[in-house]
Amino acid sequence: MISNQRILLIRPSALGDVFRSIPVLTSLSRAFSGVPIDWVVQEGFEDAIRAHPAVSRVIGFPRRRIQHWWRSPAQARRAFDFFRGLRNGYDLVVDAQGLARSGIMALASGGEKRIGFADAREGAWLGYTDRITVSGGLHAVDRMLSLLEGAGIEPIKDSKLFVPEDVEADWASWRASSIGQEPYIALAPTSRWVSKEWPADLWAELAGRLLGDGHTKKIVLLGGAGEVGRLSEIARGSAGIKILAGQGPLAFSMAAVRDASLVVANDSAMLHAATGFGVPLVGLFGPTDASISGPFDRVADCITSPVADPALHYRDPKIGDRVMRAITIDSVLAACLARLLAAATTASEGGL
C-alpha cells in the first residue's frame, strides 16, 4: 500500500479516546513494520503516547492556542504554521477521530492515501481519499479497528500503554513521600460532565469504607490540576487519602494507575488508562453505554446505573447526578472486593 516512507495517525482528543486509540497504532505498526508513525495529539496529552515504541514523532495540536484564530492575527499565524507543518511526505494518513478539525488535518497533510469514516461528522469526510463505511453500534475501539480493516489493514487488539521513563524517578519520589510502598487503590472521581460523575459524597463514603474495613491502607485520588478543590471534599483531611491531582504531569497519573492494586473510575480517561495497563478496575456508568464507551474488552468490569436510559444524553444539563446516584455504595464496594480477591488469587497461583 505504501512505499515505506511515513504514516500519520490523527487522534487529537479527548484523552480517554487517545488512550483507547492505541490499538490503531499497534495495528499500523504491525502491518507496516519499520515505517515511522507520527501521531497528532492535543497539546497536554503528549505523555499518553510519547513513550510508546511504535510512535516515531508526537505532533502537538495547539487547539486552545488557535481556537479563536479568526480574532487574532497571532493565532491565525499559529494555525497556519501548524497545518502547513503537517505536510511531511506521508504515504498513509488515518483519521481515527472524524471531526472537522481532524478532517482538515488529513487534507492539509497532503498524504497520498487518506483514510477516514464515510460518516465522519462536520464534513470531515471531505478530507479523505478513502471513505470507509463502518457498522453502527460497535465499541469505540472496534469502530476504529473496523476502519483499518475496511482499508485492508489487519486489526490488532493491543492496548498496552507505557509510562515515559523520564518521570519514573519523580513518581517514585512522590510515592515514597506520600504513600510509601504499600499497595493502594486509585480513585478517579471526576469527569467533564456532571451527568457522568458518581456523586462526591458517595466517593467519600466508598473511600471511608475501603480504609475503615481494612481493604487498603492508602487511597490516591486522580484528576486534573483544576479539580483539587473537588477532590479535597472527598478526601476530607483523611491521612489515608492522598490527592495526586496537581502534583505532576499526566504521566504521573498514568504511573499511579499502572502501579495501583485497583482503579475505580467514572466513564473517564483513567478508566481507559487502567485498561492499557491491565489493572483491576471498576467502571461506573450512567448516561453512557459501557458496551460502546467502556473499557475495551472489559465491559464486565463495569457497573451500569439501574435507571440508565438510552434516550438520555450525557450533555443534557437537566440530568444532573440523578442517574449516577442510583448506583449504590454496596454494589461498588462488592465489585471492588471481588476485583481485589481475584487479583490476589491470580498472584497466589502465579507464585506456585
Protein backbone atom coordinates (compact mmCIF):
# COMPACT_ATOMS: atom_id res chain seq x y z
CA MET A 1 0.00 0.00 0.00
CA ILE A 2 2.75 2.45 0.84
CA SER A 3 6.29 2.97 -0.34
CA ASN A 4 7.97 2.67 3.03
CA GLN A 5 8.10 6.35 3.86
CA ARG A 6 5.84 7.63 6.66
CA ILE A 7 2.40 7.25 8.29
CA LEU A 8 0.34 9.90 10.07
CA LEU A 9 -2.24 8.94 12.71
CA ILE A 10 -4.72 11.67 13.65
CA ARG A 11 -6.44 11.32 17.03
CA PRO A 12 -6.09 14.60 18.92
CA SER A 13 -8.63 14.16 21.71
CA ALA A 14 -10.26 13.51 24.11
CA LEU A 15 -7.73 11.99 26.49
CA GLY A 16 -9.71 8.80 27.06
CA ASP A 17 -10.12 8.43 23.30
CA VAL A 18 -6.38 8.88 22.85
CA PHE A 19 -5.73 6.04 25.30
CA ARG A 20 -8.16 3.75 23.54
CA SER A 21 -6.74 4.56 20.09
CA ILE A 22 -3.56 2.62 20.91
CA PRO A 23 -4.84 -0.49 19.07
CA VAL A 24 -4.96 1.61 15.89
CA LEU A 25 -1.31 2.48 16.40
CA THR A 26 -0.27 -1.11 17.10
CA SER A 27 -2.23 -2.35 14.09
CA LEU A 28 -0.46 0.12 11.80
CA SER A 29 2.91 -0.73 13.32
CA ARG A 30 2.37 -4.45 12.80
CA ALA A 31 1.10 -4.01 9.25
CA PHE A 32 3.92 -1.69 8.21
CA SER A 33 6.89 -2.83 10.26
CA GLY A 34 9.72 -0.32 10.34
CA VAL A 35 7.69 2.54 8.84
CA PRO A 36 7.79 5.67 11.07
CA ILE A 37 4.38 6.60 12.51
CA ASP A 38 3.67 10.17 13.62
CA TRP A 39 0.66 10.94 15.83
CA VAL A 40 -1.23 14.23 16.07
CA VAL A 41 -2.46 14.66 19.64
CA GLN A 42 -3.79 17.65 21.52
CA GLU A 43 -1.19 19.64 23.44
CA GLY A 44 -1.14 18.44 27.03
CA PHE A 45 -1.85 14.84 26.09
CA GLU A 46 1.62 14.01 24.75
CA ASP A 47 2.51 11.89 27.79
CA ALA A 48 -0.25 9.46 26.84
CA ILE A 49 1.64 8.25 23.76
CA ARG A 50 5.18 9.59 23.64
CA ALA A 51 6.72 6.53 25.33
CA HIS A 52 5.04 4.01 23.05
CA PRO A 53 7.72 2.26 20.97
CA ALA A 54 5.57 2.46 17.82
CA VAL A 55 5.40 6.26 17.86
CA SER A 56 8.10 7.97 15.84
CA ARG A 57 7.06 11.58 16.47
CA VAL A 58 4.36 13.26 18.54
CA ILE A 59 2.84 16.33 16.90
CA GLY A 60 1.10 18.60 19.39
CA PHE A 61 -2.14 20.12 18.17
CA PRO A 62 -2.39 23.61 19.75
CA ARG A 63 -6.17 23.54 20.00
CA ARG A 64 -6.52 26.07 22.81
CA ARG A 65 -3.88 28.38 21.32
CA ILE A 66 -5.68 28.64 17.97
CA GLN A 67 -9.34 28.25 18.96
CA HIS A 68 -10.05 31.94 18.19
CA TRP A 69 -7.79 32.19 15.14
CA TRP A 70 -10.23 34.45 13.28
CA ARG A 71 -9.98 37.09 16.03
CA SER A 72 -6.23 37.14 16.45
CA PRO A 73 -3.53 37.52 13.78
CA ALA A 74 -1.09 35.73 16.09
CA GLN A 75 -3.43 32.76 16.45
CA ALA A 76 -4.15 32.75 12.73
CA ARG A 77 -0.42 32.57 12.02
CA ARG A 78 0.00 29.78 14.56
CA ALA A 79 -2.85 27.82 12.99
CA PHE A 80 -1.40 28.31 9.51
CA ASP A 81 2.03 27.14 10.66
CA PHE A 82 0.55 24.07 12.36
CA PHE A 83 -1.44 22.90 9.34
CA ARG A 84 1.40 23.68 6.93
CA GLY A 85 3.76 21.69 9.16
CA LEU A 86 1.65 18.55 8.72
CA ARG A 87 2.90 18.20 5.15
CA ASN A 88 5.73 15.71 5.60
CA GLY A 89 5.67 13.24 2.73
CA TYR A 90 3.06 10.92 4.25
CA ASP A 91 2.07 7.91 2.18
CA LEU A 92 -0.76 6.95 4.52
CA VAL A 93 -2.89 9.14 6.80
CA VAL A 94 -5.50 7.70 9.17
CA ASP A 95 -8.09 9.98 10.78
CA ALA A 96 -9.43 7.99 13.74
CA GLN A 97 -11.44 10.95 15.09
CA GLY A 98 -13.73 12.04 12.28
CA LEU A 99 -14.45 15.69 13.12
CA ALA A 100 -13.94 18.85 11.07
CA ARG A 101 -10.56 19.69 12.60
CA SER A 102 -9.18 16.18 12.08
CA GLY A 103 -10.52 16.05 8.53
CA ILE A 104 -8.78 19.36 7.79
CA MET A 105 -5.57 17.91 9.25
CA ALA A 106 -5.86 14.91 6.94
CA LEU A 107 -6.35 17.15 3.91
CA ALA A 108 -3.58 19.55 4.96
CA SER A 109 -1.12 16.67 5.34
CA GLY A 110 -1.18 16.11 1.60
CA GLY A 111 -0.99 12.38 2.25
CA GLU A 112 -1.24 10.19 -0.82
CA LYS A 113 -3.83 7.89 0.82
CA ARG A 114 -6.08 9.42 3.49
CA ILE A 115 -8.39 7.03 5.31
CA GLY A 116 -11.42 8.07 7.36
CA PHE A 117 -15.00 7.21 8.25
CA ALA A 118 -17.56 7.62 5.47
CA ASP A 119 -19.98 9.02 8.06
CA ALA A 120 -17.44 11.35 9.69
CA ARG A 121 -19.17 14.38 11.19
CA GLU A 122 -18.88 18.08 10.34
CA GLY A 123 -17.84 17.33 6.76
CA ALA A 124 -14.58 15.71 7.82
CA TRP A 125 -15.05 13.06 5.11
CA LEU A 126 -14.16 15.69 2.53
CA GLY A 127 -10.54 15.37 3.65
CA TYR A 128 -10.24 11.68 2.76
CA THR A 129 -9.31 9.81 -0.38
CA ASP A 130 -10.72 6.58 1.08
CA ARG A 131 -14.03 6.78 2.94
CA ILE A 132 -14.70 3.59 4.85
CA THR A 133 -18.21 2.54 5.85
CA VAL A 134 -18.29 1.01 9.34
CA SER A 135 -21.22 -0.71 11.03
CA GLY A 136 -23.05 1.13 13.80
CA GLY A 137 -23.34 0.06 17.44
CA LEU A 138 -19.71 -1.02 17.77
CA HIS A 139 -17.47 -0.34 20.73
CA ALA A 140 -15.39 2.78 20.05
CA VAL A 141 -12.22 0.70 19.68
CA ASP A 142 -13.86 -1.87 17.41
CA ARG A 143 -15.18 1.01 15.30
CA MET A 144 -11.66 2.36 14.77
CA LEU A 145 -10.27 -1.10 14.07
CA SER A 146 -13.07 -1.69 11.56
CA LEU A 147 -11.91 1.48 9.81
CA LEU A 148 -8.49 -0.10 9.35
CA GLU A 149 -9.91 -3.47 8.38
CA GLY A 150 -12.05 -1.80 5.75
CA ALA A 151 -8.83 -0.35 4.32
CA GLY A 152 -7.18 -3.77 4.20
CA ILE A 153 -5.15 -3.43 7.41
CA GLU A 154 -5.33 -6.30 9.89
CA PRO A 155 -6.69 -5.12 13.28
CA ILE A 156 -4.56 -5.87 16.35
CA LYS A 157 -6.27 -5.60 19.74
CA ASP A 158 -3.23 -4.42 21.69
CA SER A 159 -4.00 -1.54 24.08
CA LYS A 160 -0.75 -1.58 26.09
CA LEU A 161 0.36 1.79 27.44
CA PHE A 162 3.82 2.94 28.50
CA VAL A 163 4.89 5.49 31.13
CA PRO A 164 7.65 7.84 29.94
CA GLU A 165 10.93 6.88 31.59
CA ASP A 166 11.83 10.49 32.37
CA VAL A 167 9.08 10.75 35.02
CA GLU A 168 9.79 7.49 36.82
CA ALA A 169 12.22 8.98 39.34
CA ASP A 170 9.90 11.85 40.26
CA TRP A 171 6.94 9.50 40.50
CA ALA A 172 8.89 7.14 42.77
CA SER A 173 9.88 10.09 44.96
CA TRP A 174 6.28 11.32 45.27
CA ARG A 175 5.03 7.85 46.07
CA ALA A 176 7.72 7.25 48.70
CA SER A 177 7.00 10.52 50.49
CA SER A 178 3.21 10.41 50.18
CA ILE A 179 2.00 6.83 50.37
CA GLY A 180 5.08 4.64 50.74
CA GLN A 181 5.43 1.27 49.06
CA GLU A 182 2.25 -0.28 50.40
CA PRO A 183 -0.46 -1.28 47.92
CA TYR A 184 -3.03 1.41 47.23
CA ILE A 185 -6.32 1.90 45.42
CA ALA A 186 -6.68 4.72 42.88
CA LEU A 187 -10.00 6.54 42.55
CA ALA A 188 -10.83 8.81 39.60
CA PRO A 189 -14.00 10.59 40.78
CA THR A 190 -14.23 13.44 38.28
CA SER A 191 -15.46 13.92 34.73
CA ARG A 192 -16.02 16.81 32.35
CA TRP A 193 -19.75 16.18 32.72
CA VAL A 194 -21.70 16.12 35.99
CA SER A 195 -24.07 13.59 34.46
CA LYS A 196 -21.22 11.06 34.22
CA GLU A 197 -19.94 11.56 37.78
CA TRP A 198 -20.82 9.36 40.70
CA PRO A 199 -21.55 11.98 43.39
CA ALA A 200 -18.71 13.18 45.64
CA ASP A 201 -20.46 12.14 48.87
CA LEU A 202 -20.65 8.55 47.61
CA TRP A 203 -16.99 8.58 46.63
CA ALA A 204 -16.14 9.84 50.13
CA GLU A 205 -18.19 7.07 51.68
CA LEU A 206 -16.58 4.43 49.45
CA ALA A 207 -13.10 5.66 50.38
CA GLY A 208 -14.02 5.60 54.07
CA ARG A 209 -15.30 2.04 53.90
CA LEU A 210 -12.31 0.77 51.94
CA LEU A 211 -9.99 2.27 54.52
CA GLY A 212 -12.10 1.64 57.60
CA ASP A 213 -12.74 -2.02 56.83
CA GLY A 214 -9.04 -2.63 56.17
CA HIS A 215 -9.28 -3.36 52.46
CA THR A 216 -6.47 -0.90 51.80
CA LYS A 217 -4.29 1.46 53.83
CA LYS A 218 -3.91 4.12 51.17
CA ILE A 219 -6.09 5.70 48.52
CA VAL A 220 -4.88 8.01 45.75
CA LEU A 221 -7.28 10.46 44.13
CA LEU A 222 -6.69 11.17 40.45
CA GLY A 223 -7.84 14.20 38.48
CA GLY A 224 -6.80 17.41 36.79
CA ALA A 225 -4.99 20.29 38.47
CA GLY A 226 -8.21 22.33 38.39
CA GLU A 227 -10.11 19.64 40.28
CA VAL A 228 -8.10 19.66 43.51
CA GLY A 229 -10.84 21.54 45.36
CA ARG A 230 -13.46 18.97 44.44
CA LEU A 231 -11.16 16.11 45.36
CA SER A 232 -10.45 17.73 48.74
CA GLU A 233 -14.15 17.36 49.55
CA ILE A 234 -13.77 13.62 49.05
CA ALA A 235 -10.50 13.34 50.98
CA ARG A 236 -11.91 15.31 53.95
CA GLY A 237 -8.48 15.54 55.50
CA SER A 238 -8.09 11.77 55.87
CA ALA A 239 -4.50 10.69 56.43
CA GLY A 240 -5.11 7.61 54.31
CA ILE A 241 -6.18 9.58 51.24
CA LYS A 242 -3.69 11.45 49.07
CA ILE A 243 -4.53 13.74 46.18
CA LEU A 244 -2.25 13.28 43.18
CA ALA A 245 -4.02 15.88 41.04
CA GLY A 246 -1.84 18.94 40.51
CA GLN A 247 1.30 17.19 41.74
CA GLY A 248 2.84 16.40 38.38
CA PRO A 249 2.28 15.85 34.65
CA LEU A 250 -0.19 13.48 33.04
CA ALA A 251 2.48 10.78 33.16
CA PHE A 252 2.23 10.86 37.00
CA SER A 253 -1.41 9.84 36.79
CA MET A 254 -0.51 7.12 34.29
CA ALA A 255 2.14 5.76 36.67
CA ALA A 256 -0.33 5.89 39.55
CA VAL A 257 -2.82 3.87 37.54
CA ARG A 258 -0.18 1.37 36.43
CA ASP A 259 1.00 0.70 39.99
CA ALA A 260 -2.43 0.61 41.67
CA SER A 261 -3.98 -2.54 43.09
CA LEU A 262 -7.34 -1.36 41.79
CA VAL A 263 -8.74 1.60 39.83
CA VAL A 264 -12.30 2.80 40.34
CA ALA A 265 -13.48 5.46 37.90
CA ASN A 266 -16.39 7.10 36.15
CA ASP A 267 -16.54 6.98 32.36
CA SER A 268 -13.32 8.97 32.09
CA ALA A 269 -9.75 8.85 30.81
CA MET A 270 -8.20 6.98 33.73
CA LEU A 271 -10.60 4.09 33.22
CA HIS A 272 -9.12 3.59 29.76
CA ALA A 273 -5.61 4.02 31.16
CA ALA A 274 -6.35 1.16 33.56
CA THR A 275 -7.27 -0.98 30.57
CA GLY A 276 -3.98 -0.08 28.88
CA PHE A 277 -2.01 -1.14 31.94
CA GLY A 278 -4.02 -4.29 32.61
CA VAL A 279 -5.00 -3.14 36.10
CA PRO A 280 -8.07 -4.45 38.00
CA LEU A 281 -10.85 -1.90 37.60
CA VAL A 282 -14.42 -0.97 38.36
CA GLY A 283 -16.08 1.40 35.91
CA LEU A 284 -19.20 3.35 36.83
CA PHE A 285 -21.64 4.20 34.03
CA GLY A 286 -24.89 6.12 33.82
CA PRO A 287 -25.96 8.05 30.72
CA THR A 288 -23.26 6.49 28.56
CA ASP A 289 -23.21 2.92 27.28
CA ALA A 290 -20.36 0.79 28.60
CA SER A 291 -20.68 -1.53 25.59
CA ILE A 292 -19.70 1.40 23.35
CA SER A 293 -17.58 3.72 25.51
CA GLY A 294 -16.48 1.42 28.32
CA PRO A 295 -13.06 -0.14 28.93
CA PHE A 296 -12.16 -2.18 25.87
CA ASP A 297 -12.86 -5.92 26.24
CA ARG A 298 -13.61 -5.36 29.94
CA VAL A 299 -17.23 -4.27 29.94
CA ALA A 300 -17.91 -6.99 32.53
CA ASP A 301 -15.87 -4.89 34.97
CA CYS A 302 -18.43 -2.06 34.77
CA ILE A 303 -21.48 -1.21 36.83
CA THR A 304 -24.31 0.49 34.98
CA SER A 305 -26.88 2.59 36.81
CA PRO A 306 -30.18 0.74 37.30
CA VAL A 307 -32.02 3.81 35.97
CA ALA A 308 -29.85 4.30 32.88
CA ASP A 309 -31.95 5.28 29.88
CA PRO A 310 -30.65 5.13 26.28
CA ALA A 311 -32.81 8.14 25.49
CA LEU A 312 -30.75 10.33 27.84
CA HIS A 313 -27.71 12.19 26.55
CA TYR A 314 -24.91 12.96 28.97
CA ARG A 315 -24.69 16.54 27.68
CA ASP A 316 -28.22 17.30 28.87
CA PRO A 317 -27.78 19.56 31.94
CA LYS A 318 -31.17 18.50 33.29
CA ILE A 319 -29.84 15.03 34.11
CA GLY A 320 -27.66 16.29 36.96
CA ASP A 321 -26.34 13.41 39.06
CA ARG A 322 -29.62 11.51 39.43
CA VAL A 323 -28.68 8.65 37.09
CA MET A 324 -25.25 8.07 38.62
CA ARG A 325 -26.56 8.46 42.18
CA ALA A 326 -28.69 5.38 41.65
CA ILE A 327 -25.51 3.24 41.72
CA THR A 328 -25.29 2.06 45.32
CA ILE A 329 -22.32 2.07 47.63
CA ASP A 330 -22.81 -1.62 48.40
CA SER A 331 -22.70 -2.60 44.72
CA VAL A 332 -19.49 -0.66 44.12
CA LEU A 333 -17.83 -1.94 47.29
CA ALA A 334 -18.76 -5.53 46.40
CA ALA A 335 -17.27 -5.10 42.93
CA CYS A 336 -14.08 -3.63 44.41
CA LEU A 337 -13.66 -6.55 46.81
CA ALA A 338 -14.32 -9.06 44.03
CA ARG A 339 -11.59 -7.49 41.85
CA LEU A 340 -9.11 -7.39 44.75
CA LEU A 341 -9.82 -11.02 45.62
CA ALA A 342 -9.46 -12.13 42.00
CA ALA A 343 -6.15 -10.27 41.68
CA ALA A 344 -4.85 -11.78 44.95
CA THR A 345 -5.88 -15.28 43.81
CA THR A 346 -4.16 -14.83 40.46
CA ALA A 347 -0.99 -13.56 42.19
CA SER A 348 -1.03 -16.51 44.58
CA GLU A 349 -1.46 -19.04 41.80
CA GLY A 350 1.32 -17.37 39.85
CA GLY A 351 3.67 -17.84 42.76
CA LEU A 352 3.09 -21.57 42.99
